[in-house]
């Protein structure tokens, strides 16, 4: 018995289906004050840009569990409530630091993939295909992690979103400011036309030159960045050393009013100095 199998008809793009796309769940809200909104926005960007499959509430629970585990270990070893309280915050931020490291590695891989992806897009545009068709082909051929972000944009266009809307959140999802140029280039070309191949080739050369410059900048400023990190890590390290060497050191220090005042002042200055140094490093990285 034989049956005639007809080819599967491709799904047509239906713009009216674009409204069913679910928005990314975020902790930040419009009703938050400035400080809480800034923290929530930073945490939302961290989770999205890291590419981890862990949900945000799960990461917070892991942070709480990590803080309790570290604090419990310190309490069992030293049996000092004050030292235990000091060990809780470092234990709480350990999972967050792990996610930050994962985000940095992911962004580095995507930046290395970006020039090659733009070259492939330019070669696909030479065949005479539309910009949407070229983007779909490149999204399927690009390796991870950049490929997953491109495929997400491609699926949005298949659901009916236009090119500019589908690529609008790509720079924020990846954390790569260089993608703003690519998104703007594709959106402008779709509206006004022009020599897309030449623009993409120039953009590829620009990205490669920028990567080369960033590499030279990191090599030239490695000593300054190491000094900044040392300034952040050294004061807590000294306090930890004395607390381990003499379990009564913190208790004796906090037993007097002068010791409490100096300790509170030192902690406040350490927090302000850390925020200042991190801001300078961030501005330098953006530049």
Protein backbone atom coordinates (compact mmCIF):
# COMPACT_ATOMS: atom_id res chain seq x y z
CA UNK A 1 0.00 0.00 0.00
CA UNK A 2 1.42 3.31 -1.02
CA UNK A 3 0.45 6.77 0.07
CA UNK A 4 1.23 10.08 -1.53
CA UNK A 5 2.99 12.35 0.92
CA UNK A 6 2.60 16.01 0.08
CA UNK A 7 5.24 18.46 1.25
CA UNK A 8 4.53 20.19 4.52
CA UNK A 9 3.24 23.70 3.96
CA UNK A 10 5.35 26.29 5.81
CA UNK A 11 3.71 28.40 8.46
CA UNK A 12 2.80 31.84 7.20
CA UNK A 13 3.81 34.88 9.19
CA UNK A 14 0.76 36.27 10.97
CA UNK A 15 1.31 39.72 12.52
CA UNK A 16 -1.81 39.38 14.65
CA UNK A 17 -0.10 36.57 16.60
CA UNK A 18 2.71 38.84 17.81
CA UNK A 19 0.62 39.92 20.77
CA UNK A 20 0.79 36.48 22.41
CA UNK A 21 4.55 36.75 23.01
CA UNK A 22 5.17 36.68 26.74
CA UNK A 23 7.27 39.44 28.22
CA UNK A 24 10.34 38.68 30.32
CA UNK A 25 9.52 38.42 34.03
CA UNK A 26 11.33 41.12 35.95
CA UNK A 27 11.70 42.21 39.55
CA UNK A 28 11.88 45.91 38.69
CA UNK A 29 8.67 47.89 38.57
CA UNK A 30 7.54 51.38 37.84
CA UNK A 31 6.35 51.90 41.43
CA UNK A 32 9.75 51.23 42.99
CA UNK A 33 11.82 54.06 44.38
CA UNK A 34 15.07 54.99 42.70
CA UNK A 35 17.39 52.82 44.80
CA UNK A 36 15.31 49.65 44.71
CA UNK A 37 14.51 50.08 41.02
CA UNK A 38 18.21 50.45 40.20
CA UNK A 39 19.05 47.26 42.14
CA UNK A 40 16.16 45.32 40.60
CA UNK A 41 17.05 46.47 37.10
CA UNK A 42 20.66 45.41 37.64
CA UNK A 43 19.55 41.99 38.86
CA UNK A 44 17.15 41.55 35.94
CA UNK A 45 19.88 42.42 33.43
CA UNK A 46 22.30 40.08 35.18
CA UNK A 47 19.96 37.10 34.92
CA UNK A 48 19.08 37.75 31.28
CA UNK A 49 22.61 38.51 30.10
CA UNK A 50 24.16 35.55 31.93
CA UNK A 51 22.15 33.08 29.86
CA UNK A 52 21.62 30.80 32.84
CA UNK A 53 18.54 28.59 32.92
CA UNK A 54 18.04 29.22 36.63
CA UNK A 55 15.01 31.32 37.49
CA UNK A 56 15.57 34.52 39.46
CA UNK A 57 13.68 33.34 42.59
CA UNK A 58 15.70 30.12 42.56
CA UNK A 59 18.95 32.09 42.51
CA UNK A 60 17.78 34.14 45.49
CA UNK A 61 16.96 30.94 47.38
CA UNK A 62 20.40 29.55 46.49
CA UNK A 63 21.96 32.75 47.80
CA UNK A 64 20.05 32.44 51.06
CA UNK A 65 21.06 28.78 51.38
CA UNK A 66 24.69 29.63 50.62
CA UNK A 67 24.71 32.33 53.29
CA UNK A 68 23.24 29.94 55.87
CA UNK A 69 25.75 27.23 54.99
CA UNK A 70 28.77 29.54 55.21
CA UNK A 71 27.47 31.11 58.41
CA UNK A 72 26.77 27.68 59.90
CA UNK A 73 30.28 26.47 59.11
CA UNK A 74 31.84 29.56 60.67
CA UNK A 75 29.64 29.20 63.75
CA UNK A 76 30.60 25.53 64.18
CA UNK A 77 34.29 26.36 63.85
CA UNK A 78 34.42 29.56 65.94
CA UNK A 79 31.20 29.51 67.99
CA UNK A 80 31.11 33.30 67.82
CA UNK A 81 27.78 34.93 66.81
CA UNK A 82 29.47 38.17 65.71
CA UNK A 83 31.91 36.45 63.37
CA UNK A 84 29.02 34.31 62.11
CA UNK A 85 27.03 37.44 61.28
CA UNK A 86 30.02 38.83 59.40
CA UNK A 87 30.28 35.60 57.36
CA UNK A 88 26.63 35.64 56.25
CA UNK A 89 26.88 38.43 53.59
CA UNK A 90 29.89 36.91 51.74
CA UNK A 91 28.13 33.56 51.68
CA UNK A 92 24.96 35.19 50.36
CA UNK A 93 26.69 36.81 47.38
CA UNK A 94 28.63 33.71 46.26
CA UNK A 95 25.93 32.51 43.78
CA UNK A 96 25.54 36.06 42.45
CA UNK A 97 29.29 36.28 41.86
CA UNK A 98 29.15 32.94 40.01
CA UNK A 99 26.41 34.31 37.73
CA UNK A 100 28.44 37.49 37.12
CA UNK A 101 31.42 35.38 36.05
CA UNK A 102 29.17 33.36 33.73
CA UNK A 103 27.85 36.59 32.19
CA UNK A 104 31.36 37.93 31.59
CA UNK A 105 32.45 34.71 29.88
CA UNK A 106 29.30 34.63 27.75
CA UNK A 107 29.75 38.23 26.63
CA UNK A 108 33.38 37.55 25.72
CA UNK A 109 32.35 34.60 23.55
CA UNK A 110 29.63 36.62 21.82
CA UNK A 111 32.03 39.47 21.09
CA UNK A 112 34.42 37.00 19.49
CA UNK A 113 31.57 35.60 17.37
CA UNK A 114 30.20 38.99 16.31
CA UNK A 115 32.65 39.88 13.46
CA UNK A 116 32.26 36.46 11.85
CA UNK A 117 28.47 36.65 12.14
CA UNK A 118 28.41 40.06 10.44
CA UNK A 119 30.63 38.71 7.62
CA UNK A 120 28.24 35.78 7.13
CA UNK A 121 25.31 38.20 7.04
CA UNK A 122 27.06 40.28 4.39
CA UNK A 123 27.77 37.19 2.26
CA UNK A 124 24.14 36.10 2.59
CA UNK A 125 22.99 39.58 1.50
CA UNK A 126 25.07 39.25 -1.71
CA UNK A 127 22.79 36.40 -2.86
CA UNK A 128 19.87 38.78 -3.26
CA UNK A 129 17.75 37.50 -0.40
CA UNK A 130 15.75 39.84 1.78
CA UNK A 131 17.20 40.99 5.06
CA UNK A 132 14.72 38.83 6.99
CA UNK A 133 15.69 35.71 5.05
CA UNK A 134 19.39 36.44 5.54
CA UNK A 135 18.87 36.89 9.27
CA UNK A 136 16.97 33.60 9.56
CA UNK A 137 19.82 31.75 7.81
CA UNK A 138 22.50 33.34 9.97
CA UNK A 139 20.55 32.66 13.16
CA UNK A 140 20.45 28.94 12.35
CA UNK A 141 24.14 28.73 11.42
CA UNK A 142 25.61 30.77 14.29
CA UNK A 143 26.97 28.75 17.20
CA UNK A 144 26.10 29.30 20.84
CA UNK A 145 25.81 31.56 22.77
CA UNK A 146 25.20 34.25 20.15
CA UNK A 147 23.15 31.84 18.07
CA UNK A 148 20.51 31.42 20.78
CA UNK A 149 19.91 35.17 20.94
CA UNK A 150 19.69 35.45 17.15
CA UNK A 151 17.31 32.50 17.00
CA UNK A 152 15.07 34.18 19.56
CA UNK A 153 14.90 37.28 17.37
CA UNK A 154 14.25 35.08 14.35
CA UNK A 155 11.33 33.36 16.06
CA UNK A 156 9.88 36.76 16.96
CA UNK A 157 9.92 37.75 13.30
CA UNK A 158 8.29 34.46 12.39
CA UNK A 159 5.55 35.26 14.88
CA UNK A 160 4.82 38.49 13.03
CA UNK A 161 7.03 41.16 14.61
CA UNK A 162 8.87 43.53 12.31
CA UNK A 163 12.67 43.52 12.16
CA UNK A 164 13.20 46.62 14.30
CA UNK A 165 10.90 45.37 17.08
CA UNK A 166 12.34 41.85 17.02
CA UNK A 167 15.92 43.12 17.34
CA UNK A 168 15.11 45.99 19.70
CA UNK A 169 16.00 44.20 22.93
CA UNK A 170 18.99 42.29 21.53
CA UNK A 171 21.62 44.74 22.91
CA UNK A 172 20.03 44.76 26.37
CA UNK A 173 19.65 40.97 26.44
CA UNK A 174 23.30 40.41 25.58
CA UNK A 175 24.81 43.45 27.28
CA UNK A 176 26.86 44.26 24.17
CA UNK A 177 26.67 47.90 23.16
CA UNK A 178 28.22 47.05 19.80
CA UNK A 179 25.00 45.33 18.77
CA UNK A 180 23.24 48.71 18.89
CA UNK A 181 25.08 49.63 15.69
CA UNK A 182 24.06 46.39 13.98
CA UNK A 183 20.41 46.72 15.03
CA UNK A 184 20.28 50.35 13.87
CA UNK A 185 21.93 49.43 10.56
CA UNK A 186 19.44 46.67 9.78
CA UNK A 187 16.44 48.76 10.85
CA UNK A 188 17.49 51.76 8.77
CA UNK A 189 18.22 49.59 5.73
CA UNK A 190 14.78 48.00 5.95
CA UNK A 191 13.15 51.44 5.85
CA UNK A 192 15.38 53.37 3.46
CA UNK A 193 17.37 50.75 1.54
CA UNK A 194 20.98 51.20 0.43
CA UNK A 195 24.09 49.10 -0.05
CA UNK A 196 23.71 46.73 2.87
CA UNK A 197 26.70 44.57 1.93
CA UNK A 198 29.14 47.47 2.02
CA UNK A 199 27.76 48.73 5.33
CA UNK A 200 28.03 45.29 6.94
CA UNK A 201 31.59 44.81 5.71
CA UNK A 202 32.61 48.17 7.16
CA UNK A 203 30.84 47.31 10.40
CA UNK A 204 32.73 44.01 10.60
CA UNK A 205 36.07 45.82 10.21
CA UNK A 206 35.01 48.33 12.87
CA UNK A 207 34.14 45.58 15.36
CA UNK A 208 37.46 43.83 14.76
CA UNK A 209 39.36 47.08 15.28
CA UNK A 210 37.42 47.70 18.48
CA UNK A 211 38.23 44.24 19.82
CA UNK A 212 41.90 44.81 19.04
CA UNK A 213 41.83 48.16 20.84
CA UNK A 214 40.07 46.66 23.88
CA UNK A 215 42.70 43.95 24.08
CA UNK A 216 45.49 46.52 24.07
CA UNK A 217 43.60 48.60 26.65
CA UNK A 218 43.23 45.63 29.02
CA UNK A 219 46.92 44.82 28.67
CA UNK A 220 47.90 48.43 29.38
CA UNK A 221 45.61 48.83 32.41
CA UNK A 222 46.00 45.41 34.00
CA UNK A 223 48.17 46.78 36.80
CA UNK A 224 45.68 49.53 37.65
CA UNK A 225 42.75 47.12 37.67
CA UNK A 226 44.67 44.65 39.85
CA UNK A 227 45.47 47.47 42.29
CA UNK A 228 41.80 48.46 42.42
CA UNK A 229 40.73 44.89 43.16
CA UNK A 230 43.42 44.62 45.84
CA UNK A 231 42.14 47.80 47.50
CA UNK A 232 38.67 46.24 47.67
CA UNK A 233 39.74 42.81 48.93
CA UNK A 234 42.54 43.77 51.33
CA UNK A 235 40.56 45.42 54.20
CA UNK A 236 38.06 42.55 54.62
CA UNK A 237 40.96 40.13 54.31
CA UNK A 238 42.88 41.82 57.14
CA UNK A 239 39.83 41.77 59.40
CA UNK A 240 39.23 38.10 58.58
CA UNK A 241 42.86 37.27 59.38
CA UNK A 242 42.71 38.90 62.82
CA UNK A 243 39.32 37.31 63.54
CA UNK A 244 40.68 33.84 62.75
CA UNK A 245 43.92 34.47 64.62
CA UNK A 246 42.16 35.80 67.73
CA UNK A 247 38.48 34.80 68.12
CA UNK A 248 37.99 37.51 70.76
CA UNK A 249 39.39 40.27 68.56
CA UNK A 250 36.03 41.38 67.13
CA UNK A 251 34.29 41.06 70.50
CA UNK A 252 36.92 43.20 72.24
CA UNK A 253 36.78 45.75 69.43
CA UNK A 254 33.00 46.08 69.60
CA UNK A 255 32.87 46.15 73.39
CA UNK A 256 33.88 49.83 73.57
CA UNK A 257 32.11 52.85 72.09
CA UNK A 258 35.25 54.04 70.37
CA UNK A 259 35.76 50.65 68.74
CA UNK A 260 32.15 50.48 67.52
CA UNK A 261 32.33 53.99 66.07
CA UNK A 262 35.60 53.32 64.24
CA UNK A 263 34.31 49.98 62.93
CA UNK A 264 31.07 51.49 61.62
CA UNK A 265 33.02 54.32 59.98
CA UNK A 266 35.45 51.85 58.40
CA UNK A 267 32.62 49.72 57.01
CA UNK A 268 30.86 52.78 55.56
CA UNK A 269 34.06 54.05 53.95
CA UNK A 270 34.79 50.58 52.58
CA UNK A 271 31.34 50.40 50.98
CA UNK A 272 31.68 53.88 49.47
CA UNK A 273 35.20 53.17 48.23
CA UNK A 274 34.14 49.87 46.68
CA UNK A 275 31.21 51.51 44.88
CA UNK A 276 33.48 54.29 43.63
CA UNK A 277 36.19 51.93 42.36
CA UNK A 278 33.66 49.67 40.65
CA UNK A 279 32.06 52.67 38.98
CA UNK A 280 35.43 53.85 37.68
CA UNK A 281 36.20 50.37 36.33
CA UNK A 282 32.80 50.20 34.66
CA UNK A 283 33.21 53.60 33.02
CA UNK A 284 36.66 52.61 31.80
CA UNK A 285 35.29 49.41 30.30
CA UNK A 286 32.53 51.32 28.50
CA UNK A 287 35.00 53.85 27.14
